[in-house]
Amino acid sequence: TAGTLVATSVEGEIDVADDAPDEGDADIEGYVSDLAGSSPDFTFLLNGMSVRTNAATEGLQFVLPNGHVEAEGAVSNGILTADSIKSR
């Protein structure tokens, strides 16, 4: 296992592949912590889950320290690569 996910709110559902418990699609809401990097290549924690962004991520302007956001994307090896970030 890659760690423990503690969420105060989860919208949608996490679809988990049977043979890869730390992979699938996720939709996670929470407050940005441990923000590092610069746009478009941020890394941060969202309710304890590692999130990363890239040039294809929509909504990069919402990635701020302590920002309340929702991140949607694919999880691989316990890291969510965000397709989109929305302000909450």
Protein backbone atom coordinates (compact mmCIF):
# COMPACT_ATOMS: atom_id res chain seq x y z
CA THR A 1 0.00 0.00 0.00
CA ALA A 2 1.09 3.55 -0.68
CA GLY A 3 -0.36 5.09 2.47
CA THR A 4 -3.59 6.15 4.08
CA LEU A 5 -6.10 8.48 2.49
CA VAL A 6 -8.12 10.58 4.93
CA ALA A 7 -10.71 12.77 3.23
CA THR A 8 -13.15 15.23 4.76
CA SER A 9 -15.14 15.12 1.53
CA VAL A 10 -15.10 12.94 -1.56
CA GLU A 11 -17.31 13.62 -4.55
CA GLY A 12 -17.99 10.87 -7.05
CA GLU A 13 -16.26 7.59 -6.53
CA ILE A 14 -12.84 6.08 -6.83
CA ASP A 15 -12.77 3.24 -9.32
CA VAL A 16 -10.06 0.83 -8.26
CA ALA A 17 -8.54 -1.82 -10.49
CA ASP A 18 -8.71 -5.28 -8.91
CA ASP A 19 -4.99 -5.96 -9.25
CA ALA A 20 -3.75 -2.43 -8.47
CA PRO A 21 -5.31 -1.00 -5.30
CA ASP A 22 -3.46 2.30 -5.66
CA GLU A 23 -4.63 2.96 -9.22
CA GLY A 24 -7.85 4.23 -10.80
CA ASP A 25 -9.73 7.49 -11.26
CA ALA A 26 -10.26 9.84 -8.33
CA ASP A 27 -12.18 12.99 -7.50
CA ILE A 28 -10.81 14.42 -4.22
CA GLU A 29 -11.76 17.63 -2.40
CA GLY A 30 -9.78 19.31 0.37
CA TYR A 31 -7.23 21.96 1.30
CA VAL A 32 -3.86 22.21 -0.45
CA SER A 33 -0.88 21.53 1.81
CA ASP A 34 2.86 20.98 1.28
CA LEU A 35 2.72 22.89 -2.02
CA ALA A 36 5.97 22.68 -4.02
CA GLY A 37 7.08 23.44 -7.55
CA SER A 38 5.91 26.09 -9.94
CA SER A 39 3.22 26.29 -12.57
CA PRO A 40 2.47 24.08 -14.38
CA ASP A 41 4.43 21.46 -12.42
CA PHE A 42 3.04 21.61 -8.88
CA THR A 43 3.06 18.85 -6.27
CA PHE A 44 0.98 19.02 -3.12
CA LEU A 45 -1.06 17.02 -0.65
CA LEU A 46 -4.84 17.02 -0.68
CA ASN A 47 -6.22 15.36 2.46
CA GLY A 48 -3.04 13.32 2.66
CA MET A 49 -3.05 12.18 -0.98
CA SER A 50 -0.17 13.21 -3.24
CA VAL A 51 -1.30 15.28 -6.22
CA ARG A 52 0.73 16.53 -9.16
CA THR A 53 -0.13 18.82 -12.03
CA ASN A 54 1.33 19.38 -15.48
CA ALA A 55 0.81 21.54 -18.57
CA ALA A 56 -2.36 19.60 -19.45
CA THR A 57 -4.02 20.30 -16.07
CA GLU A 58 -6.96 22.73 -16.26
CA GLY A 59 -7.46 25.19 -13.37
CA LEU A 60 -3.86 25.71 -12.29
CA GLN A 61 -4.80 29.22 -11.07
CA PHE A 62 -6.65 27.58 -8.15
CA VAL A 63 -3.54 25.83 -6.79
CA LEU A 64 -2.65 28.04 -3.81
CA PRO A 65 -1.37 27.31 -0.29
CA ASN A 66 -4.38 26.28 1.84
CA GLY A 67 -6.68 26.68 -1.18
CA HIS A 68 -9.92 24.69 -1.00
CA VAL A 69 -10.00 22.70 -4.24
CA GLU A 70 -11.28 19.59 -5.95
CA ALA A 71 -8.78 17.58 -8.00
CA GLU A 72 -9.88 15.08 -10.64
CA GLY A 73 -7.62 12.68 -12.45
CA ALA A 74 -5.94 9.32 -12.64
CA VAL A 75 -4.15 7.69 -9.72
CA SER A 76 -0.99 5.71 -10.39
CA ASN A 77 1.30 4.39 -7.68
CA GLY A 78 -0.70 6.34 -5.11
CA ILE A 79 -0.24 9.72 -6.84
CA LEU A 80 -3.14 11.57 -8.45
CA THR A 81 -2.14 13.32 -11.69
CA ALA A 82 -4.77 16.03 -11.99
CA ASP A 83 -6.66 16.56 -15.24
CA SER A 84 -8.51 19.43 -13.61
CA ILE A 85 -8.51 21.54 -10.46
CA LYS A 86 -11.67 23.38 -9.37
CA SER A 87 -12.10 25.96 -6.63
CA ARG A 88 -14.48 24.95 -3.83
